[in-house]
Amino acid sequence: MTNQEIEIMFLNINIDDIREKLKQLGAELIIPMRKMRRVALRTHEMRNNKKGAFVRVRDEGNKITLTYKCLNKESLYMDEYEVIVNDFDRAVDFAKALLEGNLATNVFQESKREEWILNNAKVCIDVWPWINPYLEIEGKSEKEIMATSKQLGFNWSDGIFGGANNVHKAVYPKFKESDLKLSDFNIKFGDPKPEIFC
């Protein structure tokens, strides 16, 4: 059974302003800002298709997940198959074994995230190397995330769909024009920015 990840991202936020607005609206902070690490894996078939598919192992600070994600061809959202695991390195080894040496990409990435709940929607402040902080709002329905977006003062038409890859493509024109994916790059705090992100 798949879950459809219904989410929208808004770029270039001021973290202090967003936190204050969330508090004023009665949102609940569920996970404070913490560093997350992930390994993104893609086969040659995943790399060459139009679905943006990848396998991800992510240490979220409070849990470790193993996830397969791909773009839903009937919407702008991602389909997601996810399980919680208890060992980051063993989950990475498991995913590599399943993909049987057919890997096109195998990258390590870092980001930071803070999570709030507002009106049953999850509101995340995301911080990645090389881009300004952005806000992700995720809910069970488009109507739910539209309402939460409006409450926080965002215009739906300014939002970005399709995950962190599309956020980076919106920020960097050279990256947008390429056929590369975010899952082609190691991304770590303190590392130099690749030329395509300049």
C-alpha atoms as a PDB file:
ATOM      1  CA  MET A   1       0.000   0.000   0.000  1.00  0.00           C
ATOM      2  CA  THR A   2       1.398   3.363  -1.012  1.00  0.00           C
ATOM      3  CA  ASN A   3       0.992   6.711   0.671  1.00  0.00           C
ATOM      4  CA  GLN A   4       0.729   9.782  -1.495  1.00  0.00           C
ATOM      5  CA  GLU A   5       2.890  12.536  -0.073  1.00  0.00           C
ATOM      6  CA  ILE A   6       0.862  15.722  -0.555  1.00  0.00           C
ATOM      7  CA  GLU A   7       3.193  18.616   0.141  1.00  0.00           C
ATOM      8  CA  ILE A   8       4.053  22.124  -0.952  1.00  0.00           C
ATOM      9  CA  MET A   9       7.240  24.121  -0.383  1.00  0.00           C
ATOM     10  CA  PHE A  10       7.680  27.887   0.008  1.00  0.00           C
ATOM     11  CA  LEU A  11      11.148  29.339  -0.537  1.00  0.00           C
ATOM     12  CA  ASN A  12      13.295  31.921   1.223  1.00  0.00           C
ATOM     13  CA  ILE A  13      11.612  32.011   4.604  1.00  0.00           C
ATOM     14  CA  ASN A  14      12.755  33.823   7.725  1.00  0.00           C
ATOM     15  CA  ILE A  15      12.940  31.100  10.373  1.00  0.00           C
ATOM     16  CA  ASP A  16      12.307  33.410  13.341  1.00  0.00           C
ATOM     17  CA  ASP A  17       9.247  34.964  11.652  1.00  0.00           C
ATOM     18  CA  ILE A  18       7.802  31.533  10.799  1.00  0.00           C
ATOM     19  CA  ARG A  19       8.328  30.239  14.331  1.00  0.00           C
ATOM     20  CA  GLU A  20       6.583  33.301  15.774  1.00  0.00           C
ATOM     21  CA  LYS A  21       3.648  32.905  13.363  1.00  0.00           C
ATOM     22  CA  LEU A  22       3.330  29.200  14.209  1.00  0.00           C
ATOM     23  CA  LYS A  23       3.264  30.005  17.932  1.00  0.00           C
ATOM     24  CA  GLN A  24       0.618  32.697  17.408  1.00  0.00           C
ATOM     25  CA  LEU A  25      -1.553  30.193  15.531  1.00  0.00           C
ATOM     26  CA  GLY A  26      -1.259  27.648  18.334  1.00  0.00           C
ATOM     27  CA  ALA A  27       0.923  25.187  16.420  1.00  0.00           C
ATOM     28  CA  GLU A  28       2.731  22.514  18.413  1.00  0.00           C
ATOM     29  CA  LEU A  29       6.477  22.030  18.049  1.00  0.00           C
ATOM     30  CA  ILE A  30       6.882  18.250  17.799  1.00  0.00           C
ATOM     31  CA  ILE A  31      10.585  17.944  16.878  1.00  0.00           C
ATOM     32  CA  PRO A  32      13.099  20.782  17.389  1.00  0.00           C
ATOM     33  CA  MET A  33      15.683  21.641  14.741  1.00  0.00           C
ATOM     34  CA  ARG A  34      18.112  18.767  14.263  1.00  0.00           C
ATOM     35  CA  LYS A  35      20.558  17.542  11.647  1.00  0.00           C
ATOM     36  CA  MET A  36      19.375  14.711   9.422  1.00  0.00           C
ATOM     37  CA  ARG A  37      21.469  12.440   7.244  1.00  0.00           C
ATOM     38  CA  ARG A  38      20.374  10.401   4.280  1.00  0.00           C
ATOM     39  CA  VAL A  39      21.701   8.098   1.609  1.00  0.00           C
ATOM     40  CA  ALA A  40      19.919   8.308  -1.742  1.00  0.00           C
ATOM     41  CA  LEU A  41      20.249   5.382  -4.154  1.00  0.00           C
ATOM     42  CA  ARG A  42      19.094   5.057  -7.746  1.00  0.00           C
ATOM     43  CA  THR A  43      19.475   2.352 -10.370  1.00  0.00           C
ATOM     44  CA  HIS A  44      20.228   3.194 -13.999  1.00  0.00           C
ATOM     45  CA  GLU A  45      16.542   2.580 -14.790  1.00  0.00           C
ATOM     46  CA  MET A  46      15.443   4.993 -12.041  1.00  0.00           C
ATOM     47  CA  ARG A  47      18.021   7.509 -13.245  1.00  0.00           C
ATOM     48  CA  ASN A  48      16.699   7.466 -16.818  1.00  0.00           C
ATOM     49  CA  ASN A  49      12.941   7.461 -16.244  1.00  0.00           C
ATOM     50  CA  LYS A  50      10.671  10.479 -15.821  1.00  0.00           C
ATOM     51  CA  LYS A  51       9.296   9.496 -12.404  1.00  0.00           C
ATOM     52  CA  GLY A  52      12.181  10.853 -10.322  1.00  0.00           C
ATOM     53  CA  ALA A  53      12.286   7.543  -8.453  1.00  0.00           C
ATOM     54  CA  PHE A  54      14.838   6.808  -5.753  1.00  0.00           C
ATOM     55  CA  VAL A  55      15.422   4.776  -2.608  1.00  0.00           C
ATOM     56  CA  ARG A  56      16.320   6.706   0.526  1.00  0.00           C
ATOM     57  CA  VAL A  57      17.593   5.749   3.959  1.00  0.00           C
ATOM     58  CA  ARG A  58      17.152   8.704   6.320  1.00  0.00           C
ATOM     59  CA  ASP A  59      18.132   9.236   9.932  1.00  0.00           C
ATOM     60  CA  GLU A  60      15.568  11.784  11.091  1.00  0.00           C
ATOM     61  CA  GLY A  61      16.942  12.123  14.620  1.00  0.00           C
ATOM     62  CA  ASN A  62      13.958  10.412  16.231  1.00  0.00           C
ATOM     63  CA  LYS A  63      13.614   7.538  13.743  1.00  0.00           C
ATOM     64  CA  ILE A  64      15.304   5.906  10.756  1.00  0.00           C
ATOM     65  CA  THR A  65      13.287   5.264   7.607  1.00  0.00           C
ATOM     66  CA  LEU A  66      13.793   3.245   4.432  1.00  0.00           C
ATOM     67  CA  THR A  67      11.721   4.736   1.616  1.00  0.00           C
ATOM     68  CA  TYR A  68      11.007   4.275  -2.084  1.00  0.00           C
ATOM     69  CA  LYS A  69       9.648   7.465  -3.687  1.00  0.00           C
ATOM     70  CA  CYS A  70       8.468   8.252  -7.200  1.00  0.00           C
ATOM     71  CA  LEU A  71       6.447  10.958  -8.888  1.00  0.00           C
ATOM     72  CA  ASN A  72       2.784  10.091  -9.291  1.00  0.00           C
ATOM     73  CA  LYS A  73       2.095  10.401 -13.038  1.00  0.00           C
ATOM     74  CA  GLU A  74      -1.454  11.604 -12.348  1.00  0.00           C
ATOM     75  CA  SER A  75      -0.496  14.439  -9.983  1.00  0.00           C
ATOM     76  CA  LEU A  76       2.313  16.740  -8.878  1.00  0.00           C
ATOM     77  CA  TYR A  77       2.861  14.706  -5.725  1.00  0.00           C
ATOM     78  CA  MET A  78       5.126  11.829  -4.764  1.00  0.00           C
ATOM     79  CA  ASP A  79       4.055   8.249  -4.083  1.00  0.00           C
ATOM     80  CA  GLU A  80       5.902   6.875  -1.093  1.00  0.00           C
ATOM     81  CA  TYR A  81       6.507   3.392   0.308  1.00  0.00           C
ATOM     82  CA  GLU A  82       8.167   3.686   3.707  1.00  0.00           C
ATOM     83  CA  VAL A  83       9.166   1.471   6.618  1.00  0.00           C
ATOM     84  CA  ILE A  84      10.827   2.329   9.913  1.00  0.00           C
ATOM     85  CA  VAL A  85      14.125   0.529  10.508  1.00  0.00           C
ATOM     86  CA  ASN A  86      16.462   0.464  13.490  1.00  0.00           C
ATOM     87  CA  ASP A  87      19.957   0.686  11.972  1.00  0.00           C
ATOM     88  CA  PHE A  88      21.031   3.311   9.401  1.00  0.00           C
ATOM     89  CA  ASP A  89      24.116   1.519   8.052  1.00  0.00           C
ATOM     90  CA  ARG A  90      22.435  -1.898   7.831  1.00  0.00           C
ATOM     91  CA  ALA A  91      19.460  -0.353   6.019  1.00  0.00           C
ATOM     92  CA  VAL A  92      21.842   1.227   3.494  1.00  0.00           C
ATOM     93  CA  ASP A  93      23.539  -2.151   2.983  1.00  0.00           C
ATOM     94  CA  PHE A  94      20.117  -3.811   2.599  1.00  0.00           C
ATOM     95  CA  ALA A  95      19.037  -1.286  -0.057  1.00  0.00           C
ATOM     96  CA  LYS A  96      22.313  -1.696  -1.956  1.00  0.00           C
ATOM     97  CA  ALA A  97      21.924  -5.485  -1.899  1.00  0.00           C
ATOM     98  CA  LEU A  98      18.361  -5.240  -3.252  1.00  0.00           C
ATOM     99  CA  LEU A  99      19.520  -3.053  -6.112  1.00  0.00           C
ATOM    100  CA  GLU A 100      22.157  -5.718  -6.924  1.00  0.00           C
ATOM    101  CA  GLY A 101      25.061  -3.596  -8.074  1.00  0.00           C
ATOM    102  CA  ASN A 102      22.945  -1.769 -10.664  1.00  0.00           C
ATOM    103  CA  LEU A 103      23.498   1.564  -8.914  1.00  0.00           C
ATOM    104  CA  ALA A 104      23.764   4.734 -10.960  1.00  0.00           C
ATOM    105  CA  THR A 105      24.008   6.959  -7.883  1.00  0.00           C
ATOM    106  CA  ASN A 106      24.767   6.386  -4.211  1.00  0.00           C
ATOM    107  CA  VAL A 107      25.117   9.694  -2.392  1.00  0.00           C
ATOM    108  CA  PHE A 108      25.242  10.972   1.189  1.00  0.00           C
ATOM    109  CA  GLN A 109      23.330  14.137   2.078  1.00  0.00           C
ATOM    110  CA  GLU A 110      22.764  16.312   5.140  1.00  0.00           C
ATOM    111  CA  SER A 111      20.055  18.813   5.988  1.00  0.00           C
ATOM    112  CA  LYS A 112      18.354  20.215   9.077  1.00  0.00           C
ATOM    113  CA  ARG A 113      14.675  20.117   9.908  1.00  0.00           C
ATOM    114  CA  GLU A 114      12.239  21.344  12.544  1.00  0.00           C
ATOM    115  CA  GLU A 115       8.674  19.966  12.646  1.00  0.00           C
ATOM    116  CA  TRP A 116       5.428  21.528  13.844  1.00  0.00           C
ATOM    117  CA  ILE A 117       1.794  20.433  13.715  1.00  0.00           C
ATOM    118  CA  LEU A 118      -0.869  22.976  12.721  1.00  0.00           C
ATOM    119  CA  ASN A 119      -4.466  21.892  12.008  1.00  0.00           C
ATOM    120  CA  ASN A 120      -3.344  18.264  11.478  1.00  0.00           C
ATOM    121  CA  ALA A 121      -0.839  19.386   8.822  1.00  0.00           C
ATOM    122  CA  LYS A 122       2.879  18.865   9.326  1.00  0.00           C
ATOM    123  CA  VAL A 123       4.839  22.089   8.899  1.00  0.00           C
ATOM    124  CA  CYS A 124       8.597  21.670   8.463  1.00  0.00           C
ATOM    125  CA  ILE A 125      11.339  24.279   8.441  1.00  0.00           C
ATOM    126  CA  ASP A 126      14.035  22.852   6.158  1.00  0.00           C
ATOM    127  CA  VAL A 127      17.649  23.997   5.981  1.00  0.00           C
ATOM    128  CA  TRP A 128      19.961  22.606   3.284  1.00  0.00           C
ATOM    129  CA  PRO A 129      23.494  23.601   2.349  1.00  0.00           C
ATOM    130  CA  TRP A 130      23.704  26.201  -0.455  1.00  0.00           C
ATOM    131  CA  ILE A 131      20.062  27.417  -0.365  1.00  0.00           C
ATOM    132  CA  ASN A 132      17.996  29.683   1.875  1.00  0.00           C
ATOM    133  CA  PRO A 133      15.670  27.988   4.393  1.00  0.00           C
ATOM    134  CA  TYR A 134      12.282  26.927   3.071  1.00  0.00           C
ATOM    135  CA  LEU A 135       8.979  25.730   4.491  1.00  0.00           C
ATOM    136  CA  GLU A 136       7.301  22.418   3.661  1.00  0.00           C
ATOM    137  CA  ILE A 137       3.647  21.840   4.482  1.00  0.00           C
ATOM    138  CA  GLU A 138       2.407  18.259   4.284  1.00  0.00           C
ATOM    139  CA  GLY A 139      -1.120  16.987   4.858  1.00  0.00           C
ATOM    140  CA  LYS A 140      -3.614  14.283   4.020  1.00  0.00           C
ATOM    141  CA  SER A 141      -5.409  16.370   1.407  1.00  0.00           C
ATOM    142  CA  GLU A 142      -4.728  19.291  -0.881  1.00  0.00           C
ATOM    143  CA  LYS A 143      -7.542  21.205   0.828  1.00  0.00           C
ATOM    144  CA  GLU A 144      -5.830  20.764   4.205  1.00  0.00           C
ATOM    145  CA  ILE A 145      -2.464  22.034   3.045  1.00  0.00           C
ATOM    146  CA  MET A 146      -4.048  24.900   1.098  1.00  0.00           C
ATOM    147  CA  ALA A 147      -5.799  26.080   4.266  1.00  0.00           C
ATOM    148  CA  THR A 148      -2.601  25.813   6.327  1.00  0.00           C
ATOM    149  CA  SER A 149      -0.619  27.670   3.654  1.00  0.00           C
ATOM    150  CA  LYS A 150      -3.150  30.490   3.710  1.00  0.00           C
ATOM    151  CA  GLN A 151      -3.080  30.670   7.514  1.00  0.00           C
ATOM    152  CA  LEU A 152       0.680  31.104   7.399  1.00  0.00           C
ATOM    153  CA  GLY A 153       0.369  33.901   4.840  1.00  0.00           C
ATOM    154  CA  PHE A 154       1.569  32.076   1.711  1.00  0.00           C
ATOM    155  CA  ASN A 155       0.040  32.202  -1.763  1.00  0.00           C
ATOM    156  CA  TRP A 156      -0.611  28.752  -3.193  1.00  0.00           C
ATOM    157  CA  SER A 157       0.609  29.906  -6.621  1.00  0.00           C
ATOM    158  CA  ASP A 158       4.058  30.654  -5.141  1.00  0.00           C
ATOM    159  CA  GLY A 159       4.515  27.073  -3.946  1.00  0.00           C
ATOM    160  CA  ILE A 160       6.750  24.364  -5.359  1.00  0.00           C
ATOM    161  CA  PHE A 161       5.745  20.711  -5.657  1.00  0.00           C
ATOM    162  CA  GLY A 162       7.832  17.554  -6.065  1.00  0.00           C
ATOM    163  CA  GLY A 163      10.244  17.666  -3.140  1.00  0.00           C
ATOM    164  CA  ALA A 164      13.722  19.017  -2.489  1.00  0.00           C
ATOM    165  CA  ASN A 165      14.864  18.303  -6.052  1.00  0.00           C
ATOM    166  CA  ASN A 166      12.376  20.837  -7.423  1.00  0.00           C
ATOM    167  CA  VAL A 167      13.256  23.334  -4.699  1.00  0.00           C
ATOM    168  CA  HIS A 168      16.876  23.259  -5.850  1.00  0.00           C
ATOM    169  CA  LYS A 169      15.844  23.500  -9.509  1.00  0.00           C
ATOM    170  CA  ALA A 170      13.815  26.616  -8.672  1.00  0.00           C
ATOM    171  CA  VAL A 171      16.854  28.221  -7.028  1.00  0.00           C
ATOM    172  CA  TYR A 172      19.542  27.293  -9.561  1.00  0.00           C
ATOM    173  CA  PRO A 173      18.813  27.876 -13.295  1.00  0.00           C
ATOM    174  CA  LYS A 174      21.784  25.773 -14.509  1.00  0.00           C
ATOM    175  CA  PHE A 175      20.578  22.846 -12.409  1.00  0.00           C
ATOM    176  CA  LYS A 176      17.022  23.294 -13.693  1.00  0.00           C
ATOM    177  CA  GLU A 177      18.207  23.153 -17.303  1.00  0.00           C
ATOM    178  CA  SER A 178      20.183  19.946 -16.721  1.00  0.00           C
ATOM    179  CA  ASP A 179      18.877  16.393 -16.541  1.00  0.00           C
ATOM    180  CA  LEU A 180      20.620  15.909 -13.194  1.00  0.00           C
ATOM    181  CA  LYS A 181      18.755  15.128  -9.980  1.00  0.00           C
ATOM    182  CA  LEU A 182      19.511  16.159  -6.406  1.00  0.00           C
ATOM    183  CA  SER A 183      20.201  12.484  -5.737  1.00  0.00           C
ATOM    184  CA  ASP A 184      23.272  12.770  -8.008  1.00  0.00           C
ATOM    185  CA  PHE A 185      25.116  14.937  -5.451  1.00  0.00           C
ATOM    186  CA  ASN A 186      26.757  14.495  -2.079  1.00  0.00           C
ATOM    187  CA  ILE A 187      25.459  17.403   0.006  1.00  0.00           C
ATOM    188  CA  LYS A 188      27.111  18.232   3.328  1.00  0.00           C
ATOM    189  CA  PHE A 189      27.279  21.327   5.477  1.00  0.00           C
ATOM    190  CA  GLY A 190      30.662  22.994   5.017  1.00  0.00           C
ATOM    191  CA  ASP A 191      31.394  21.375   1.638  1.00  0.00           C
ATOM    192  CA  PRO A 192      32.007  23.616  -1.393  1.00  0.00           C
ATOM    193  CA  LYS A 193      29.040  24.174  -3.685  1.00  0.00           C
ATOM    194  CA  PRO A 194      29.190  22.235  -6.995  1.00  0.00           C
ATOM    195  CA  GLU A 195      29.555  24.450 -10.065  1.00  0.00           C
ATOM    196  CA  ILE A 196      26.028  23.673 -11.271  1.00  0.00           C
ATOM    197  CA  PHE A 197      24.685  25.244  -8.044  1.00  0.00           C
ATOM    198  CA  CYS A 198      26.625  28.501  -8.584  1.00  0.00           C
END
